[in-house]
Amino acid sequence: MTNYFQIVGYQILCSIDTKTEYWLIDFEEKNVLPQEYSSQEYESKGFADSKLIQDFPLRGKAVFLRIKNRRWRHKQTGAVVKRDFSFIADGSKFTSELSDFLKGASGYATRYHQQHSELLPGE
């Protein structure tokens, strides 16, 4: 993941309702155009909407990753290019690795999601 992203910040937060601490780590995609495109023809145009996903707990605290994907625009046609990151499990807000682990923990996935899904309301 560090090949494509850099950590731009992190916060240790606490839910007022449940008094539960959790980590929020912010990642931004590096400004490196995919190899199959020419940097002479494309320019960086900021970021697409960020995605919020849950990852493995860290020291017993829930961990959320807020990921901002960069986009590039073709200077002549205006076509937009973004990388496809398949590390996010389809239909889930978990990383694929965490999703696979929780599926194998027979029912733990549901309890984990219920326990931590309310930490970041509106996300």
PDB file of N, CA and C in Angstrom:
ATOM      1  N   MET A   1       0.821  -1.192   0.000  1.00  0.00           N
ATOM      2  CA  MET A   1       0.000   0.000   0.000  1.00  0.00           C
ATOM      3  C   MET A   1       0.864   1.254   0.000  1.00  0.00           C
ATOM      4  N   THR A   2       2.027   1.189   0.630  1.00  0.00           N
ATOM      5  CA  THR A   2       2.889   2.375   0.678  1.00  0.00           C
ATOM      6  C   THR A   2       3.547   2.674  -0.665  1.00  0.00           C
ATOM      7  N   ASN A   3       3.452   1.751  -1.630  1.00  0.00           N
ATOM      8  CA  ASN A   3       3.943   2.050  -2.973  1.00  0.00           C
ATOM      9  C   ASN A   3       3.091   3.121  -3.638  1.00  0.00           C
ATOM     10  N   TYR A   4       1.811   3.163  -3.304  1.00  0.00           N
ATOM     11  CA  TYR A   4       0.885   4.066  -3.961  1.00  0.00           C
ATOM     12  C   TYR A   4       0.384   5.201  -3.066  1.00  0.00           C
ATOM     13  N   PHE A   5       0.439   5.010  -1.753  1.00  0.00           N
ATOM     14  CA  PHE A   5      -0.151   5.982  -0.832  1.00  0.00           C
ATOM     15  C   PHE A   5       0.864   6.471   0.185  1.00  0.00           C
ATOM     16  N   GLN A   6       0.610   7.649   0.710  1.00  0.00           N
ATOM     17  CA  GLN A   6       1.396   8.155   1.832  1.00  0.00           C
ATOM     18  C   GLN A   6       0.439   8.525   2.956  1.00  0.00           C
ATOM     19  N   ILE A   7       0.892   8.317   4.179  1.00  0.00           N
ATOM     20  CA  ILE A   7       0.094   8.695   5.341  1.00  0.00           C
ATOM     21  C   ILE A   7       0.226  10.205   5.512  1.00  0.00           C
ATOM     22  N   VAL A   8      -0.897  10.888   5.542  1.00  0.00           N
ATOM     23  CA  VAL A   8      -0.867  12.348   5.680  1.00  0.00           C
ATOM     24  C   VAL A   8      -1.365  12.798   7.052  1.00  0.00           C
ATOM     25  N   GLY A   9      -1.847  11.860   7.849  1.00  0.00           N
ATOM     26  CA  GLY A   9      -2.281  12.203   9.192  1.00  0.00           C
ATOM     27  C   GLY A   9      -2.957  11.039   9.874  1.00  0.00           C
ATOM     28  N   TYR A  10      -3.078  11.165  11.179  1.00  0.00           N
ATOM     29  CA  TYR A  10      -3.822  10.164  11.938  1.00  0.00           C
ATOM     30  C   TYR A  10      -4.392  10.842  13.182  1.00  0.00           C
ATOM     31  N   GLN A  11      -5.433  10.246  13.695  1.00  0.00           N
ATOM     32  CA  GLN A  11      -6.077  10.758  14.899  1.00  0.00           C
ATOM     33  C   GLN A  11      -6.475   9.583  15.775  1.00  0.00           C
ATOM     34  N   ILE A  12      -6.366   9.758  17.071  1.00  0.00           N
ATOM     35  CA  ILE A  12      -6.934   8.805  18.014  1.00  0.00           C
ATOM     36  C   ILE A  12      -8.174   9.496  18.557  1.00  0.00           C
ATOM     37  N   LEU A  13      -9.334   8.946  18.238  1.00  0.00           N
ATOM     38  CA  LEU A  13     -10.606   9.561  18.570  1.00  0.00           C
ATOM     39  C   LEU A  13     -11.356   8.724  19.591  1.00  0.00           C
ATOM     40  N   CYS A  14     -12.398   9.291  20.140  1.00  0.00           N
ATOM     41  CA  CYS A  14     -13.204   8.595  21.135  1.00  0.00           C
ATOM     42  C   CYS A  14     -14.677   8.876  20.868  1.00  0.00           C
ATOM     43  N   SER A  15     -15.478   7.826  20.870  1.00  0.00           N
ATOM     44  CA  SER A  15     -16.918   7.980  20.736  1.00  0.00           C
ATOM     45  C   SER A  15     -17.478   8.503  22.056  1.00  0.00           C
ATOM     46  N   ILE A  16     -18.210   9.578  21.994  1.00  0.00           N
ATOM     47  CA  ILE A  16     -18.795  10.155  23.206  1.00  0.00           C
ATOM     48  C   ILE A  16     -19.822   9.207  23.809  1.00  0.00           C
ATOM     49  N   ASP A  17     -20.600   8.557  22.951  1.00  0.00           N
ATOM     50  CA  ASP A  17     -21.659   7.661  23.425  1.00  0.00           C
ATOM     51  C   ASP A  17     -21.112   6.407  24.107  1.00  0.00           C
ATOM     52  N   THR A  18     -20.136   5.760  23.481  1.00  0.00           N
ATOM     53  CA  THR A  18     -19.679   4.472  23.990  1.00  0.00           C
ATOM     54  C   THR A  18     -18.348   4.555  24.733  1.00  0.00           C
ATOM     55  N   LYS A  19     -17.712   5.711  24.724  1.00  0.00           N
ATOM     56  CA  LYS A  19     -16.398   5.903  25.367  1.00  0.00           C
ATOM     57  C   LYS A  19     -15.363   4.941  24.780  1.00  0.00           C
ATOM     58  N   THR A  20     -15.515   4.608  23.510  1.00  0.00           N
ATOM     59  CA  THR A  20     -14.620   3.691  22.823  1.00  0.00           C
ATOM     60  C   THR A  20     -13.618   4.480  21.991  1.00  0.00           C
ATOM     61  N   GLU A  21     -12.334   4.203  22.188  1.00  0.00           N
ATOM     62  CA  GLU A  21     -11.298   4.845  21.387  1.00  0.00           C
ATOM     63  C   GLU A  21     -11.130   4.098  20.075  1.00  0.00           C
ATOM     64  N   TYR A  22     -10.798   4.849  19.006  1.00  0.00           N
ATOM     65  CA  TYR A  22     -10.496   4.241  17.726  1.00  0.00           C
ATOM     66  C   TYR A  22      -9.500   5.123  16.978  1.00  0.00           C
ATOM     67  N   TRP A  23      -8.843   4.531  16.001  1.00  0.00           N
ATOM     68  CA  TRP A  23      -7.843   5.220  15.201  1.00  0.00           C
ATOM     69  C   TRP A  23      -8.432   5.562  13.841  1.00  0.00           C
ATOM     70  N   LEU A  24      -8.105   6.743  13.348  1.00  0.00           N
ATOM     71  CA  LEU A  24      -8.457   7.155  11.999  1.00  0.00           C
ATOM     72  C   LEU A  24      -7.161   7.572  11.317  1.00  0.00           C
ATOM     73  N   ILE A  25      -6.785   6.841  10.268  1.00  0.00           N
ATOM     74  CA  ILE A  25      -5.533   7.102   9.560  1.00  0.00           C
ATOM     75  C   ILE A  25      -5.874   7.574   8.143  1.00  0.00           C
ATOM     76  N   ASP A  26      -5.310   8.736   7.763  1.00  0.00           N
ATOM     77  CA  ASP A  26      -5.586   9.328   6.453  1.00  0.00           C
ATOM     78  C   ASP A  26      -4.460   9.009   5.468  1.00  0.00           C
ATOM     79  N   PHE A  27      -4.839   8.478   4.304  1.00  0.00           N
ATOM     80  CA  PHE A  27      -3.908   8.173   3.225  1.00  0.00           C
ATOM     81  C   PHE A  27      -4.292   8.976   1.990  1.00  0.00           C
ATOM     82  N   GLU A  28      -3.276   9.475   1.269  1.00  0.00           N
ATOM     83  CA  GLU A  28      -3.496  10.103  -0.028  1.00  0.00           C
ATOM     84  C   GLU A  28      -2.631   9.377  -1.052  1.00  0.00           C
ATOM     85  N   GLU A  29      -3.209   9.156  -2.224  1.00  0.00           N
ATOM     86  CA  GLU A  29      -2.444   8.522  -3.286  1.00  0.00           C
ATOM     87  C   GLU A  29      -1.333   9.471  -3.738  1.00  0.00           C
ATOM     88  N   LYS A  30      -0.157   8.912  -3.942  1.00  0.00           N
ATOM     89  CA  LYS A  30       0.977   9.712  -4.408  1.00  0.00           C
ATOM     90  C   LYS A  30       0.705  10.220  -5.825  1.00  0.00           C
ATOM     91  N   ASN A  31       1.310  11.341  -6.170  1.00  0.00           N
ATOM     92  CA  ASN A  31       1.110  11.934  -7.487  1.00  0.00           C
ATOM     93  C   ASN A  31       2.046  11.279  -8.506  1.00  0.00           C
ATOM     94  N   VAL A  32       1.799   9.992  -8.747  1.00  0.00           N
ATOM     95  CA  VAL A  32       2.580   9.216  -9.706  1.00  0.00           C
ATOM     96  C   VAL A  32       1.591   8.599 -10.692  1.00  0.00           C
ATOM     97  N   LEU A  33       1.632   9.082 -11.913  1.00  0.00           N
ATOM     98  CA  LEU A  33       0.730   8.613 -12.962  1.00  0.00           C
ATOM     99  C   LEU A  33       0.983   7.136 -13.254  1.00  0.00           C
ATOM    100  N   PRO A  34      -0.085   6.336 -13.479  1.00  0.00           N
ATOM    101  CA  PRO A  34       0.127   4.930 -13.838  1.00  0.00           C
ATOM    102  C   PRO A  34       1.059   4.816 -15.051  1.00  0.00           C
ATOM    103  N   GLN A  35       1.891   3.789 -15.070  1.00  0.00           N
ATOM    104  CA  GLN A  35       2.932   3.634 -16.084  1.00  0.00           C
ATOM    105  C   GLN A  35       2.424   3.637 -17.519  1.00  0.00           C
ATOM    106  N   GLU A  36       1.223   3.152 -17.730  1.00  0.00           N
ATOM    107  CA  GLU A  36       0.722   3.033 -19.099  1.00  0.00           C
ATOM    108  C   GLU A  36       0.294   4.372 -19.714  1.00  0.00           C
ATOM    109  N   TYR A  37       0.402   5.468 -18.952  1.00  0.00           N
ATOM    110  CA  TYR A  37       0.020   6.789 -19.439  1.00  0.00           C
ATOM    111  C   TYR A  37       1.232   7.718 -19.465  1.00  0.00           C
ATOM    112  N   SER A  38       1.213   8.649 -20.398  1.00  0.00           N
ATOM    113  CA  SER A  38       2.325   9.585 -20.551  1.00  0.00           C
ATOM    114  C   SER A  38       2.112  10.832 -19.697  1.00  0.00           C
ATOM    115  N   SER A  39       3.122  11.198 -18.927  1.00  0.00           N
ATOM    116  CA  SER A  39       3.002  12.397 -18.091  1.00  0.00           C
ATOM    117  C   SER A  39       2.962  13.670 -18.933  1.00  0.00           C
ATOM    118  N   GLN A  40       3.350  13.571 -20.199  1.00  0.00           N
ATOM    119  CA  GLN A  40       3.269  14.726 -21.094  1.00  0.00           C
ATOM    120  C   GLN A  40       1.821  15.022 -21.486  1.00  0.00           C
ATOM    121  N   GLU A  41       0.966  13.986 -21.456  1.00  0.00           N
ATOM    122  CA  GLU A  41      -0.411  14.130 -21.914  1.00  0.00           C
ATOM    123  C   GLU A  41      -1.422  14.285 -20.788  1.00  0.00           C
ATOM    124  N   TYR A  42      -1.035  13.948 -19.553  1.00  0.00           N
ATOM    125  CA  TYR A  42      -1.967  13.971 -18.423  1.00  0.00           C
ATOM    126  C   TYR A  42      -1.471  14.913 -17.337  1.00  0.00           C
ATOM    127  N   GLU A  43      -2.424  15.468 -16.588  1.00  0.00           N
ATOM    128  CA  GLU A  43      -2.091  16.322 -15.451  1.00  0.00           C
ATOM    129  C   GLU A  43      -2.941  15.926 -14.247  1.00  0.00           C
ATOM    130  N   SER A  44      -2.374  16.078 -13.071  1.00  0.00           N
ATOM    131  CA  SER A  44      -3.094  15.743 -11.850  1.00  0.00           C
ATOM    132  C   SER A  44      -4.228  16.731 -11.635  1.00  0.00           C
ATOM    133  N   LYS A  45      -5.383  16.215 -11.268  1.00  0.00           N
ATOM    134  CA  LYS A  45      -6.555  17.061 -11.023  1.00  0.00           C
ATOM    135  C   LYS A  45      -7.159  16.784  -9.655  1.00  0.00           C
ATOM    136  N   GLY A  46      -6.303  16.626  -8.656  1.00  0.00           N
ATOM    137  CA  GLY A  46      -6.790  16.454  -7.292  1.00  0.00           C
ATOM    138  C   GLY A  46      -7.225  15.036  -6.996  1.00  0.00           C
ATOM    139  N   PHE A  47      -8.263  14.941  -6.167  1.00  0.00           N
ATOM    140  CA  PHE A  47      -8.680  13.639  -5.651  1.00  0.00           C
ATOM    141  C   PHE A  47     -10.157  13.382  -5.905  1.00  0.00           C
ATOM    142  N   ALA A  48     -10.487  12.109  -6.033  1.00  0.00           N
ATOM    143  CA  ALA A  48     -11.885  11.675  -6.051  1.00  0.00           C
ATOM    144  C   ALA A  48     -12.365  11.660  -4.599  1.00  0.00           C
ATOM    145  N   ASP A  49     -13.636  11.382  -4.383  1.00  0.00           N
ATOM    146  CA  ASP A  49     -14.159  11.286  -3.018  1.00  0.00           C
ATOM    147  C   ASP A  49     -13.392  10.228  -2.236  1.00  0.00           C
ATOM    148  N   SER A  50     -13.170  10.496  -0.966  1.00  0.00           N
ATOM    149  CA  SER A  50     -12.434   9.540  -0.137  1.00  0.00           C
ATOM    150  C   SER A  50     -13.326   8.357   0.222  1.00  0.00           C
ATOM    151  N   LYS A  51     -12.672   7.242   0.521  1.00  0.00           N
ATOM    152  CA  LYS A  51     -13.370   6.037   0.984  1.00  0.00           C
ATOM    153  C   LYS A  51     -12.931   5.755   2.404  1.00  0.00           C
ATOM    154  N   LEU A  52     -13.870   5.304   3.209  1.00  0.00           N
ATOM    155  CA  LEU A  52     -13.575   4.956   4.596  1.00  0.00           C
ATOM    156  C   LEU A  52     -13.765   3.458   4.756  1.00  0.00           C
ATOM    157  N   ILE A  53     -12.715   2.783   5.190  1.00  0.00           N
ATOM    158  CA  ILE A  53     -12.800   1.337   5.374  1.00  0.00           C
ATOM    159  C   ILE A  53     -12.239   0.958   6.736  1.00  0.00           C
ATOM    160  N   GLN A  54     -12.697  -0.168   7.262  1.00  0.00           N
ATOM    161  CA  GLN A  54     -12.171  -0.709   8.512  1.00  0.00           C
ATOM    162  C   GLN A  54     -11.028  -1.659   8.201  1.00  0.00           C
ATOM    163  N   ASP A  55     -10.029  -1.649   9.046  1.00  0.00           N
ATOM    164  CA  ASP A  55      -8.909  -2.573   8.910  1.00  0.00           C
ATOM    165  C   ASP A  55      -8.757  -3.331  10.219  1.00  0.00           C
ATOM    166  N   PHE A  56      -7.714  -4.160  10.329  1.00  0.00           N
ATOM    167  CA  PHE A  56      -7.479  -4.924  11.550  1.00  0.00           C
ATOM    168  C   PHE A  56      -7.371  -3.993  12.752  1.00  0.00           C
ATOM    169  N   PRO A  57      -7.888  -4.407  13.895  1.00  0.00           N
ATOM    170  CA  PRO A  57      -7.730  -3.607  15.119  1.00  0.00           C
ATOM    171  C   PRO A  57      -6.258  -3.460  15.479  1.00  0.00           C
ATOM    172  N   LEU A  58      -5.941  -2.371  16.122  1.00  0.00           N
ATOM    173  CA  LEU A  58      -4.584  -2.101  16.566  1.00  0.00           C
ATOM    174  C   LEU A  58      -4.609  -1.918  18.073  1.00  0.00           C
ATOM    175  N   ARG A  59      -3.938  -2.812  18.790  1.00  0.00           N
ATOM    176  CA  ARG A  59      -3.924  -2.791  20.264  1.00  0.00           C
ATOM    177  C   ARG A  59      -5.347  -2.748  20.841  1.00  0.00           C
ATOM    178  N   GLY A  60      -6.227  -3.530  20.231  1.00  0.00           N
ATOM    179  CA  GLY A  60      -7.588  -3.651  20.732  1.00  0.00           C
ATOM    180  C   GLY A  60      -8.512  -2.511  20.343  1.00  0.00           C
ATOM    181  N   LYS A  61      -8.034  -1.571  19.533  1.00  0.00           N
ATOM    182  CA  LYS A  61      -8.862  -0.430  19.120  1.00  0.00           C
ATOM    183  C   LYS A  61      -9.218  -0.577  17.643  1.00  0.00           C
ATOM    184  N   ALA A  62     -10.420  -0.170  17.299  1.00  0.00           N
ATOM    185  CA  ALA A  62     -10.843  -0.204  15.903  1.00  0.00           C
ATOM    186  C   ALA A  62      -9.953   0.734  15.091  1.00  0.00           C
ATOM    187  N   VAL A  63      -9.687   0.337  13.842  1.00  0.00           N
ATOM    188  CA  VAL A  63      -8.870   1.146  12.950  1.00  0.00           C
ATOM    189  C   VAL A  63      -9.660   1.421  11.683  1.00  0.00           C
ATOM    190  N   PHE A  64      -9.746   2.687  11.322  1.00  0.00           N
ATOM    191  CA  PHE A  64     -10.404   3.108  10.097  1.00  0.00           C
ATOM    192  C   PHE A  64      -9.367   3.774   9.209  1.00  0.00           C
ATOM    193  N   LEU A  65      -9.394   3.450   7.920  1.00  0.00           N
ATOM    194  CA  LEU A  65      -8.503   4.049   6.939  1.00  0.00           C
ATOM    195  C   LEU A  65      -9.337   4.939   6.031  1.00  0.00           C
ATOM    196  N   ARG A  66      -8.979   6.221   5.958  1.00  0.00           N
ATOM    197  CA  ARG A  66      -9.656   7.135   5.028  1.00  0.00           C
ATOM    198  C   ARG A  66      -8.699   7.321   3.855  1.00  0.00           C
ATOM    199  N   ILE A  67      -9.128   6.873   2.682  1.00  0.00           N
ATOM    200  CA  ILE A  67      -8.259   6.803   1.523  1.00  0.00           C
ATOM    201  C   ILE A  67      -8.752   7.742   0.431  1.00  0.00           C
ATOM    202  N   LYS A  68      -7.842   8.601  -0.036  1.00  0.00           N
ATOM    203  CA  LYS A  68      -8.151   9.535  -1.118  1.00  0.00           C
ATOM    204  C   LYS A  68      -7.396   9.101  -2.374  1.00  0.00           C
ATOM    205  N   ASN A  69      -8.170   8.733  -3.409  1.00  0.00           N
ATOM    206  CA  ASN A  69      -7.593   8.326  -4.684  1.00  0.00           C
ATOM    207  C   ASN A  69      -7.388   9.558  -5.563  1.00  0.00           C
ATOM    208  N   ARG A  70      -6.233   9.634  -6.176  1.00  0.00           N
ATOM    209  CA  ARG A  70      -5.914  10.743  -7.077  1.00  0.00           C
ATOM    210  C   ARG A  70      -6.549  10.492  -8.440  1.00  0.00           C
ATOM    211  N   ARG A  71      -6.764  11.567  -9.175  1.00  0.00           N
ATOM    212  CA  ARG A  71      -7.248  11.440 -10.555  1.00  0.00           C
ATOM    213  C   ARG A  71      -6.406  12.345 -11.449  1.00  0.00           C
ATOM    214  N   TRP A  72      -6.259  11.907 -12.681  1.00  0.00           N
ATOM    215  CA  TRP A  72      -5.513  12.662 -13.673  1.00  0.00           C
ATOM    216  C   TRP A  72      -6.424  12.911 -14.867  1.00  0.00           C
ATOM    217  N   ARG A  73      -6.197  14.038 -15.551  1.00  0.00           N
ATOM    218  CA  ARG A  73      -7.025  14.412 -16.702  1.00  0.00           C
ATOM    219  C   ARG A  73      -6.134  14.533 -17.929  1.00  0.00           C
ATOM    220  N   HIS A  74      -6.634  13.985 -19.052  1.00  0.00           N
ATOM    221  CA  HIS A  74      -5.926  14.115 -20.323  1.00  0.00           C
ATOM    222  C   HIS A  74      -6.032  15.568 -20.759  1.00  0.00           C
ATOM    223  N   LYS A  75      -4.926  16.175 -21.109  1.00  0.00           N
ATOM    224  CA  LYS A  75      -4.886  17.608 -21.419  1.00  0.00           C
ATOM    225  C   LYS A  75      -5.696  17.978 -22.660  1.00  0.00           C
ATOM    226  N   GLN A  76      -5.820  17.071 -23.626  1.00  0.00           N
ATOM    227  CA  GLN A  76      -6.539  17.368 -24.864  1.00  0.00           C
ATOM    228  C   GLN A  76      -8.012  16.946 -24.802  1.00  0.00           C
ATOM    229  N   THR A  77      -8.263  15.709 -24.381  1.00  0.00           N
ATOM    230  CA  THR A  77      -9.624  15.164 -24.439  1.00  0.00           C
ATOM    231  C   THR A  77     -10.429  15.373 -23.159  1.00  0.00           C
ATOM    232  N   GLY A  78      -9.742  15.595 -22.042  1.00  0.00           N
ATOM    233  CA  GLY A  78     -10.440  15.744 -20.767  1.00  0.00           C
ATOM    234  C   GLY A  78     -10.797  14.430 -20.100  1.00  0.00           C
ATOM    235  N   ALA A  79     -10.395  13.305 -20.721  1.00  0.00           N
ATOM    236  CA  ALA A  79     -10.687  11.987 -20.139  1.00  0.00           C
ATOM    237  C   ALA A  79      -9.974  11.857 -18.792  1.00  0.00           C
ATOM    238  N   VAL A  80     -10.664  11.265 -17.818  1.00  0.00           N
ATOM    239  CA  VAL A  80     -10.129  11.125 -16.466  1.00  0.00           C
ATOM    240  C   VAL A  80      -9.596   9.707 -16.255  1.00  0.00           C
ATOM    241  N   VAL A  81      -8.441   9.611 -15.614  1.00  0.00           N
ATOM    242  CA  VAL A  81      -7.803   8.332 -15.304  1.00  0.00           C
ATOM    243  C   VAL A  81      -7.670   8.216 -13.795  1.00  0.00           C
ATOM    244  N   LYS A  82      -8.063   7.043 -13.259  1.00  0.00           N
ATOM    245  CA  LYS A  82      -7.879   6.732 -11.834  1.00  0.00           C
ATOM    246  C   LYS A  82      -7.402   5.298 -11.740  1.00  0.00           C
ATOM    247  N   ARG A  83      -6.631   5.011 -10.713  1.00  0.00           N
ATOM    248  CA  ARG A  83      -6.215   3.622 -10.478  1.00  0.00           C
ATOM    249  C   ARG A  83      -7.382   2.844  -9.870  1.00  0.00           C
ATOM    250  N   ASP A  84      -7.425   1.549 -10.183  1.00  0.00           N
ATOM    251  CA  ASP A  84      -8.426   0.664  -9.593  1.00  0.00           C
ATOM    252  C   ASP A  84      -7.759  -0.093  -8.456  1.00  0.00           C
ATOM    253  N   PHE A  85      -8.171   0.206  -7.236  1.00  0.00           N
ATOM    254  CA  PHE A  85      -7.604  -0.470  -6.082  1.00  0.00           C
ATOM    255  C   PHE A  85      -8.587  -1.537  -5.620  1.00  0.00           C
ATOM    256  N   SER A  86      -8.194  -2.792  -5.792  1.00  0.00           N
ATOM    257  CA  SER A  86      -9.099  -3.895  -5.477  1.00  0.00           C
ATOM    258  C   SER A  86      -8.874  -4.442  -4.071  1.00  0.00           C
ATOM    259  N   PHE A  87      -8.122  -3.707  -3.225  1.00  0.00           N
ATOM    260  CA  PHE A  87      -7.894  -4.198  -1.866  1.00  0.00           C
ATOM    261  C   PHE A  87      -9.100  -3.966  -0.978  1.00  0.00           C
ATOM    262  N   ILE A  88     -10.098  -3.240  -1.457  1.00  0.00           N
ATOM    263  CA  ILE A  88     -11.324  -3.043  -0.686  1.00  0.00           C
ATOM    264  C   ILE A  88     -12.297  -4.139  -1.099  1.00  0.00           C
ATOM    265  N   ALA A  89     -12.793  -4.884  -0.138  1.00  0.00           N
ATOM    266  CA  ALA A  89     -13.705  -5.994  -0.426  1.00  0.00           C
ATOM    267  C   ALA A  89     -14.984  -5.465  -1.061  1.00  0.00           C
ATOM    268  N   ASP A  90     -15.448  -6.113  -2.135  1.00  0.00           N
ATOM    269  CA  ASP A  90     -16.681  -5.703  -2.802  1.00  0.00           C
ATOM    270  C   ASP A  90     -17.851  -5.730  -1.837  1.00  0.00           C
ATOM    271  N   GLY A  91     -18.657  -4.665  -1.859  1.00  0.00           N
ATOM    272  CA  GLY A  91     -19.853  -4.597  -1.032  1.00  0.00           C
ATOM    273  C   GLY A  91     -19.563  -4.467   0.446  1.00  0.00           C
ATOM    274  N   SER A  92     -18.370  -4.082   0.812  1.00  0.00           N
ATOM    275  CA  SER A  92     -17.980  -4.019   2.208  1.00  0.00           C
ATOM    276  C   SER A  92     -17.200  -2.750   2.473  1.00  0.00           C
ATOM    277  N   LYS A  93     -17.067  -2.421   3.745  1.00  0.00           N
ATOM    278  CA  LYS A  93     -16.208  -1.314   4.120  1.00  0.00           C
ATOM    279  C   LYS A  93     -14.975  -1.851   4.840  1.00  0.00           C
ATOM    280  N   PHE A  94     -14.668  -3.130   4.606  1.00  0.00           N
ATOM    281  CA  PHE A  94     -13.480  -3.753   5.175  1.00  0.00           C
ATOM    282  C   PHE A  94     -12.433  -3.907   4.082  1.00  0.00           C
ATOM    283  N   THR A  95     -11.166  -3.969   4.448  1.00  0.00           N
ATOM    284  CA  THR A  95     -10.160  -4.388   3.480  1.00  0.00           C
ATOM    285  C   THR A  95     -10.422  -5.855   3.165  1.00  0.00           C
ATOM    286  N   SER A  96      -9.999  -6.315   1.999  1.00  0.00           N
ATOM    287  CA  SER A  96     -10.209  -7.716   1.613  1.00  0.00           C
ATOM    288  C   SER A  96      -9.598  -8.667   2.623  1.00  0.00           C
ATOM    289  N   GLU A  97      -8.406  -8.331   3.103  1.00  0.00           N
ATOM    290  CA  GLU A  97      -7.717  -9.195   4.059  1.00  0.00           C
ATOM    291  C   GLU A  97      -8.510  -9.336   5.357  1.00  0.00           C
ATOM    292  N   LEU A  98      -9.019  -8.234   5.879  1.00  0.00           N
ATOM    293  CA  LEU A  98      -9.809  -8.287   7.105  1.00  0.00           C
ATOM    294  C   LEU A  98     -11.120  -9.019   6.870  1.00  0.00           C
ATOM    295  N   SER A  99     -11.743  -8.771   5.729  1.00  0.00           N
ATOM    296  CA  SER A  99     -12.999  -9.439   5.408  1.00  0.00           C
ATOM    297  C   SER A  99     -12.820 -10.955   5.373  1.00  0.00           C
ATOM    298  N   ASP A 100     -11.748 -11.430   4.716  1.00  0.00           N
ATOM    299  CA  ASP A 100     -11.480 -12.872   4.654  1.00  0.00           C
ATOM    300  C   ASP A 100     -11.238 -13.452   6.047  1.00  0.00           C
ATOM    301  N   PHE A 101     -10.487 -12.725   6.870  1.00  0.00           N
ATOM    302  CA  PHE A 101     -10.219 -13.193   8.235  1.00  0.00           C
ATOM    303  C   PHE A 101     -11.514 -13.303   9.033  1.00  0.00           C
ATOM    304  N   LEU A 102     -12.349 -12.274   8.946  1.00  0.00           N
ATOM    305  CA  LEU A 102     -13.587 -12.276   9.735  1.00  0.00           C
ATOM    306  C   LEU A 102     -14.562 -13.348   9.267  1.00  0.00           C
ATOM    307  N   LYS A 103     -14.593 -13.628   7.965  1.00  0.00           N
ATOM    308  CA  LYS A 103     -15.460 -14.695   7.455  1.00  0.00           C
ATOM    309  C   LYS A 103     -15.060 -16.030   8.060  1.00  0.00           C
ATOM    310  N   GLY A 104     -13.770 -16.228   8.241  1.00  0.00           N
ATOM    311  CA  GLY A 104     -13.271 -17.478   8.804  1.00  0.00           C
ATOM    312  C   GLY A 104     -13.448 -17.571  10.309  1.00  0.00           C
ATOM    313  N   ALA A 105     -13.864 -16.489  10.946  1.00  0.00           N
ATOM    314  CA  ALA A 105     -14.006 -16.472  12.402  1.00  0.00           C
ATOM    315  C   ALA A 105     -15.443 -16.760  12.828  1.00  0.00           C
ATOM    316  N   SER A 106     -16.223 -17.370  11.951  1.00  0.00           N
ATOM    317  CA  SER A 106     -17.598 -17.813  12.199  1.00  0.00           C
ATOM    318  C   SER A 106     -18.428 -16.898  13.098  1.00  0.00           C
ATOM    319  N   GLY A 107     -18.967 -15.865  12.483  1.00  0.00           N
ATOM    320  CA  GLY A 107     -19.863 -14.970  13.217  1.00  0.00           C
ATOM    321  C   GLY A 107     -19.171 -13.777  13.827  1.00  0.00           C
ATOM    322  N   TYR A 108     -17.855 -13.828  13.922  1.00  0.00           N
ATOM    323  CA  TYR A 108     -17.134 -12.702  14.510  1.00  0.00           C
ATOM    324  C   TYR A 108     -17.297 -11.449  13.660  1.00  0.00           C
ATOM    325  N   ALA A 109     -17.421 -11.612  12.339  1.00  0.00           N
ATOM    326  CA  ALA A 109     -17.544 -10.461  11.443  1.00  0.00           C
ATOM    327  C   ALA A 109     -18.759  -9.614  11.797  1.00  0.00           C
ATOM    328  N   THR A 110     -19.886 -10.242  12.037  1.00  0.00           N
ATOM    329  CA  THR A 110     -21.104  -9.507  12.368  1.00  0.00           C
ATOM    330  C   THR A 110     -20.954  -8.757  13.682  1.00  0.00           C
ATOM    331  N   ARG A 111     -20.423  -9.434  14.697  1.00  0.00           N
ATOM    332  CA  ARG A 111     -20.224  -8.763  15.988  1.00  0.00           C
ATOM    333  C   ARG A 111     -19.226  -7.611  15.874  1.00  0.00           C
ATOM    334  N   TYR A 112     -18.143  -7.825  15.124  1.00  0.00           N
ATOM    335  CA  TYR A 112     -17.125  -6.786  14.955  1.00  0.00           C
ATOM    336  C   TYR A 112     -17.726  -5.567  14.274  1.00  0.00           C
ATOM    337  N   HIS A 113     -18.478  -5.794  13.202  1.00  0.00           N
ATOM    338  CA  HIS A 113     -19.075  -4.676  12.468  1.00  0.00           C
ATOM    339  C   HIS A 113     -20.099  -3.943  13.336  1.00  0.00           C
ATOM    340  N   GLN A 114     -20.932  -4.676  14.060  1.00  0.00           N
ATOM    341  CA  GLN A 114     -21.921  -4.031  14.925  1.00  0.00           C
ATOM    342  C   GLN A 114     -21.247  -3.206  16.015  1.00  0.00           C
ATOM    343  N   GLN A 115     -20.171  -3.709  16.566  1.00  0.00           N
ATOM    344  CA  GLN A 115     -19.481  -3.017  17.649  1.00  0.00           C
ATOM    345  C   GLN A 115     -18.820  -1.733  17.167  1.00  0.00           C
ATOM    346  N   HIS A 116     -18.257  -1.735  15.954  1.00  0.00           N
ATOM    347  CA  HIS A 116     -17.449  -0.609  15.514  1.00  0.00           C
ATOM    348  C   HIS A 116     -18.092   0.247  14.431  1.00  0.00           C
ATOM    349  N   SER A 117     -19.198  -0.162  13.842  1.00  0.00           N
ATOM    350  CA  SER A 117     -19.775   0.594  12.736  1.00  0.00           C
ATOM    351  C   SER A 117     -20.387   1.920  13.184  1.00  0.00           C
ATOM    352  N   GLU A 118     -20.677   2.063  14.443  1.00  0.00           N
ATOM    353  CA  GLU A 118     -21.301   3.292  14.926  1.00  0.00           C
ATOM    354  C   GLU A 118     -20.272   4.329  15.371  1.00  0.00           C
ATOM    355  N   LEU A 119     -19.005   4.013  15.302  1.00  0.00           N
ATOM    356  CA  LEU A 119     -17.977   4.948  15.752  1.00  0.00           C
ATOM    357  C   LEU A 119     -17.879   6.168  14.855  1.00  0.00           C
ATOM    358  N   LEU A 120     -18.094   5.988  13.578  1.00  0.00           N
ATOM    359  CA  LEU A 120     -18.015   7.099  12.628  1.00  0.00           C
ATOM    360  C   LEU A 120     -19.370   7.284  11.952  1.00  0.00           C
ATOM    361  N   PRO A 121     -20.325   7.900  12.632  1.00  0.00           N
ATOM    362  CA  PRO A 121     -21.655   8.059  12.050  1.00  0.00           C
ATOM    363  C   PRO A 121     -21.607   8.895  10.784  1.00  0.00           C
ATOM    364  N   GLY A 122     -22.453   8.541   9.830  1.00  0.00           N
ATOM    365  CA  GLY A 122     -22.563   9.287   8.597  1.00  0.00           C
ATOM    366  C   GLY A 122     -21.507   8.942   7.564  1.00  0.00           C
ATOM    367  N   GLU A 123     -20.622   8.019   7.850  1.00  0.00           N
ATOM    368  CA  GLU A 123     -19.590   7.639   6.879  1.00  0.00           C
ATOM    369  C   GLU A 123     -20.053   6.437   6.110  1.00  0.00           C
TER     370      GLU A 123
END
